[in-house]
Protein backbone atom coordinates (compact mmCIF):
# COMPACT_ATOMS: atom_id res chain seq x y z
CA MET A 1 42.33 166.22 191.49
CA PRO A 2 44.93 166.43 188.68
CA ASP A 3 47.07 169.51 188.32
CA ILE A 4 45.49 172.46 186.52
CA PRO A 5 47.19 173.04 183.15
CA ALA A 6 48.93 176.36 182.81
CA GLN A 7 46.68 179.05 181.40
CA SER A 8 43.87 176.56 180.85
CA GLN A 9 41.25 178.66 182.53
CA VAL A 10 42.09 182.23 181.57
CA ASP A 11 43.23 183.69 178.27
CA GLY A 12 44.78 187.13 177.95
CA VAL A 13 45.60 187.32 181.65
CA GLU A 14 47.62 190.48 181.12
CA ASN A 15 44.45 192.31 180.08
CA ILE A 16 42.24 191.48 183.05
CA SER A 17 41.65 193.88 185.92
CA SER A 18 43.08 193.48 189.42
CA HIS A 19 39.61 192.56 190.68
CA GLU A 20 39.41 189.74 188.13
CA ARG A 21 42.87 188.52 189.14
CA VAL A 22 41.61 188.05 192.68
CA LEU A 23 38.67 186.01 191.42
CA MET A 24 40.93 184.00 189.14
CA ILE A 25 43.23 183.05 192.04
CA LEU A 26 40.25 181.93 194.12
CA LYS A 27 38.89 179.91 191.20
CA VAL A 28 42.22 178.18 190.62
CA LEU A 29 42.60 177.37 194.32
CA ALA A 30 39.14 175.82 194.31
CA GLN A 31 39.90 173.77 191.20
CA PHE A 32 43.11 172.30 192.59
CA GLY A 33 41.21 170.84 195.54
CA ARG A 34 44.40 170.67 197.63
CA PRO A 35 46.95 173.08 199.11
CA VAL A 36 49.28 174.41 196.40
CA ASN A 37 52.55 176.32 196.33
CA ALA A 38 53.25 179.66 194.66
CA ALA A 39 54.93 178.07 191.64
CA GLU A 40 51.82 176.03 190.90
CA LEU A 41 49.63 179.12 191.23
CA MET A 42 51.91 181.12 188.93
CA LYS A 43 51.77 178.36 186.32
CA ALA A 44 48.00 177.97 186.54
CA THR A 45 47.17 181.69 186.54
CA GLY A 46 49.95 183.09 184.36
CA LEU A 47 50.49 185.89 186.87
CA ALA A 48 53.91 187.33 187.60
CA LYS A 49 55.34 186.41 190.99
CA SER A 50 55.07 189.95 192.39
CA THR A 51 51.47 190.29 191.19
CA LEU A 52 50.49 186.91 192.61
CA TYR A 53 52.01 187.62 196.03
CA ARG A 54 50.34 191.04 196.18
CA GLN A 55 46.94 189.46 195.60
CA LEU A 56 47.62 186.62 198.05
CA VAL A 57 48.54 189.07 200.82
CA MET A 58 45.18 190.78 200.41
CA LEU A 59 43.26 187.50 200.24
CA LYS A 60 44.97 186.21 203.39
CA ARG A 61 44.25 189.45 205.24
CA TRP A 62 40.54 189.07 204.55
CA GLY A 63 40.38 185.36 205.32
CA PHE A 64 39.77 184.12 201.76
CA VAL A 65 43.11 182.28 201.63
CA PHE A 66 45.27 180.75 204.32
CA GLU A 67 48.95 179.84 204.06
CA SER A 68 50.76 177.12 205.96
CA GLY A 69 54.22 175.79 205.18
CA ASN A 70 54.40 177.83 201.95
CA LEU A 71 51.22 176.15 200.71
CA TYR A 72 48.01 178.04 199.94
CA ALA A 73 44.41 176.88 200.30
CA PRO A 74 40.95 178.44 200.58
CA GLY A 75 40.59 180.24 203.91
CA PRO A 76 37.67 180.25 206.35
CA VAL A 77 35.70 182.93 204.51
CA SER A 78 36.02 181.04 201.22
CA LEU A 79 34.86 177.90 202.99
CA GLN A 80 31.77 179.72 204.22
CA LEU A 81 30.98 180.96 200.72
CA SER A 82 31.92 177.79 198.84
CA LEU A 83 28.72 175.83 199.18
CA GLY A 84 26.35 178.25 200.83
CA PHE A 85 28.16 178.27 204.18
CA ASN A 86 28.69 174.55 203.70
CA ALA A 87 31.54 173.93 206.14
CA VAL A 88 29.67 175.66 208.94
CA SER A 89 26.37 174.09 207.87
CA MET A 90 27.92 170.62 208.00
CA LEU A 91 29.44 171.37 211.39
CA THR A 92 26.21 172.61 212.94
CA GLN A 93 24.19 169.81 211.35
CA TYR A 94 26.32 167.12 212.98
CA ALA A 95 26.85 169.07 216.18
CA ARG A 96 23.25 170.06 216.94
CA PRO A 97 22.05 166.74 218.44
CA GLU A 98 25.15 166.49 220.62
CA MET A 99 24.82 170.13 221.65
CA GLN A 100 21.24 169.43 222.74
CA TRP A 101 22.36 166.31 224.63
CA LEU A 102 25.07 168.28 226.41
CA SER A 103 22.74 171.16 227.21
CA ASP A 104 20.03 168.85 228.55
CA LEU A 105 22.44 167.00 230.84
CA SER A 106 24.40 170.01 232.05
CA ARG A 107 21.57 172.58 231.95
CA GLU A 108 24.21 175.09 230.85
CA THR A 109 24.90 177.16 227.71
CA VAL A 110 26.49 175.30 224.80
CA ALA A 111 27.92 176.87 221.63
CA ILE A 112 29.74 176.16 218.38
CA THR A 113 32.34 178.75 217.38
CA VAL A 114 34.58 179.02 214.31
CA ALA A 115 37.67 181.09 213.46
CA VAL A 116 37.19 183.71 210.75
CA ASN A 117 39.76 186.39 209.92
CA ALA A 118 41.45 186.24 213.36
CA GLN A 119 38.07 186.36 215.12
CA ALA A 120 36.05 183.77 217.02
CA VAL A 121 32.53 183.75 215.53
CA CYS A 122 29.67 181.97 217.30
CA VAL A 123 27.58 180.13 214.68
CA ASP A 124 25.19 178.19 216.92
CA MET A 125 24.15 178.32 220.56
CA ILE A 126 21.74 176.61 222.95
CA GLU A 127 21.15 178.83 225.96
CA ALA A 128 20.83 177.49 229.48
CA PRO A 129 17.42 177.53 231.16
CA GLN A 130 19.11 179.57 233.89
CA SER A 131 20.54 182.97 233.06
CA LEU A 132 24.14 183.53 231.95
CA ARG A 133 25.69 186.91 231.26
CA CYS A 134 28.11 186.08 228.48
CA SER A 135 29.76 188.00 225.63
CA PHE A 136 29.17 185.17 223.17
CA GLU A 137 25.95 185.10 221.22
CA LYS A 138 25.10 183.66 217.83
CA GLY A 139 26.63 185.74 215.04
CA ARG A 140 28.87 187.78 217.32
CA SER A 141 32.67 187.75 217.00
CA LEU A 142 35.48 188.29 219.50
CA PRO A 143 39.28 188.40 219.05
CA LEU A 144 41.23 185.15 219.14
CA ARG A 145 42.91 186.10 222.38
CA ASP A 146 41.33 185.31 225.74
CA GLY A 147 38.96 182.68 227.05
CA ALA A 148 38.69 178.95 226.47
CA THR A 149 36.95 179.30 223.11
CA ALA A 150 39.48 181.69 221.57
CA LYS A 151 42.46 179.80 222.98
CA CYS A 152 41.18 176.44 221.76
CA LEU A 153 40.62 177.81 218.26
CA LEU A 154 44.00 179.54 218.20
CA ALA A 155 45.80 176.46 219.49
CA HIS A 156 44.60 174.39 216.54
CA LEU A 157 44.92 176.87 213.67
CA PRO A 158 47.64 176.30 211.05
CA GLU A 159 51.01 177.26 212.53
CA LEU A 160 51.60 180.29 210.31
CA ASP A 161 48.16 181.74 211.01
CA ARG A 162 48.70 181.19 214.72
CA LYS A 163 52.07 182.96 214.62
CA HIS A 164 50.61 185.99 212.83
CA ILE A 165 47.77 186.29 215.34
CA LEU A 166 50.09 185.90 218.32
CA GLN A 167 52.39 188.57 216.92
CA ALA A 168 49.47 190.97 216.48
CA GLU A 169 47.88 190.27 219.87
CA PHE A 170 51.07 189.96 221.94
CA PRO A 171 53.80 192.38 220.81
CA ASP A 172 55.58 191.76 224.12
CA ALA A 173 57.85 188.74 223.66
CA ALA A 174 57.39 187.42 227.20
CA GLU A 175 53.59 187.53 226.93
CA LYS A 176 53.70 185.88 223.52
CA ASN A 177 55.95 183.08 224.78
CA ASP A 178 53.66 182.53 227.76
CA ARG A 179 50.62 182.28 225.49
CA GLN A 180 52.44 179.90 223.13
CA ALA A 181 53.14 177.64 226.11
CA GLN A 182 49.46 177.76 227.08
CA LEU A 183 48.42 176.81 223.55
CA GLU A 184 50.85 173.88 223.53
CA ASP A 185 49.32 172.66 226.80
CA ILE A 186 45.85 172.91 225.23
CA ARG A 187 46.91 170.82 222.24
CA THR A 188 48.41 168.22 224.57
CA GLN A 189 45.42 168.16 226.92
CA GLY A 190 42.84 168.13 224.13
CA TYR A 191 40.68 170.93 225.50
CA ALA A 192 40.86 174.42 227.02
CA CYS A 193 39.34 175.77 230.24
CA SER A 194 39.16 179.34 231.48
CA HIS A 195 37.56 181.40 234.20
CA GLY A 196 36.71 185.09 234.02
CA GLU A 197 39.00 185.91 231.09
CA VAL A 198 36.25 187.37 228.91
CA ASP A 199 33.30 187.72 231.30
CA ASP A 200 33.66 188.06 235.07
CA GLY A 201 32.58 184.96 236.93
CA VAL A 202 32.08 182.82 233.82
CA TRP A 203 33.77 179.43 233.56
CA GLY A 204 34.12 177.64 230.23
CA ILE A 205 35.49 174.57 228.49
CA SER A 206 36.14 174.24 224.75
CA VAL A 207 37.04 171.17 222.67
CA PRO A 208 38.25 171.28 219.03
CA LEU A 209 36.18 169.86 216.16
CA PHE A 210 37.97 168.56 213.07
CA ALA A 211 37.14 167.52 209.54
CA SER A 212 39.18 164.72 207.97
CA GLY A 213 42.91 165.37 207.98
CA ARG A 214 42.53 167.23 211.29
CA PHE A 215 41.39 170.37 209.51
CA LEU A 216 39.96 172.60 212.24
CA LEU A 217 36.28 173.41 211.70
CA GLY A 218 35.49 174.96 215.07
CA VAL A 219 35.12 174.25 218.77
CA LEU A 220 32.37 172.99 221.05
CA SER A 221 32.09 175.11 224.19
CA LEU A 222 30.15 174.95 227.44
CA MET A 223 29.84 178.11 229.54
CA ALA A 224 28.40 178.66 233.01
CA PRO A 225 28.71 180.90 236.08
CA LEU A 226 31.55 179.59 238.21
CA GLN A 227 29.43 179.74 241.36
CA ARG A 228 26.97 177.32 239.75
CA VAL A 229 29.54 174.78 238.59
CA ALA A 230 32.39 175.09 241.10
CA ASP A 231 31.95 171.47 242.23
CA ARG A 232 30.87 170.13 238.81
CA GLN A 233 33.83 171.05 236.62
CA PRO A 234 35.25 167.51 236.22
CA GLN A 235 31.80 166.24 235.25
CA LEU A 236 31.25 169.06 232.75
CA ILE A 237 34.69 168.54 231.21
CA SER A 238 33.89 164.84 230.79
CA LEU A 239 30.47 165.53 229.24
CA THR A 240 31.81 168.17 226.84
CA THR A 241 34.72 166.05 225.64
CA GLU A 242 32.34 163.10 225.18
CA ALA A 243 29.97 165.20 223.06
CA ALA A 244 32.88 166.58 221.02
CA GLU A 245 34.23 163.08 220.41
CA ARG A 246 30.89 161.98 218.96
CA ILE A 247 30.70 165.10 216.76
CA ASN A 248 34.24 164.45 215.53
CA ASN A 249 33.33 160.85 214.71
CA HIS A 250 30.40 162.08 212.60
CA LEU A 251 32.58 164.67 210.86
CA GLN A 252 35.26 162.11 209.99
CA ILE A 253 32.79 159.84 208.20
CA GLY A 254 30.26 162.43 207.03
C-alpha cells in the first residue's frame, strides 16, 4: 500500500479528544498495511511526538499495537477485532481438520492457543476421550511463562515483546537468562515440550503456527497425562509436528 499522505485522513487534529487520537492512530496503522516508524505516524496523524508516544504506550500495553525494531503494527487484539476475529478464525479454520486428525490418532487433548496481551489464550480445543485434568480450556488465558504452550508462544513473539515479558516475569537476571536460553533452544528445535510445569503430571508438546512472513499466529499443542504417554512421546512429537506442518502449509497459501 502507498504511504498515507500527511493529514489526509483527519482535519483539525489539535481539536480532537484523546480518545479520538487513539482511534486515529489505529486507523492510520490499518491503512498503511505494513509496519511503520514513529516519523511516518507523526506525518500521517499530525500528532506531536510526545502525544504520539503517550498514545502508543497505552495501545501497546493493551495489545492493540506491537512494536519491533522501532516499527509499529497492529497488535494481537487489533488483529482479533479487524475482521471479526479474522486472524483467529482463519487459524482455527485451517487447523481444525488437522487437530481432529491428531486427536483421532493420539486419542489425546489437542488445542490451538494464541498470545494476547502477554497471555496465552486457548481459542480451540478437542478433548481426549479419556480424562485430562488441565488448566487450559477454550477461552481461558494463562501467563506467558511456564509450560510448552506458553514457552513456544513466547519464543516466537517479536523480540521486543519477548524482552518486555521476560523482564516482567523474571526480574532475577539469572532466571531470565536461563529462560532466554530455553527459548533459543525451542526456536532451534522447532517445538517445545514440558512436563508438570503448569499441571502436575501433564506432559505437553507445542509447535508454532505462522502466517506468511513468519508472523506468529499461535501454537498447536497436544497434552496428556505423563503416565499415559511415557513410552509414546517420540511418536506424539512426530504426529504433532506433522499436523503443524500441514497447518502451516495451508496458512502460507491461504
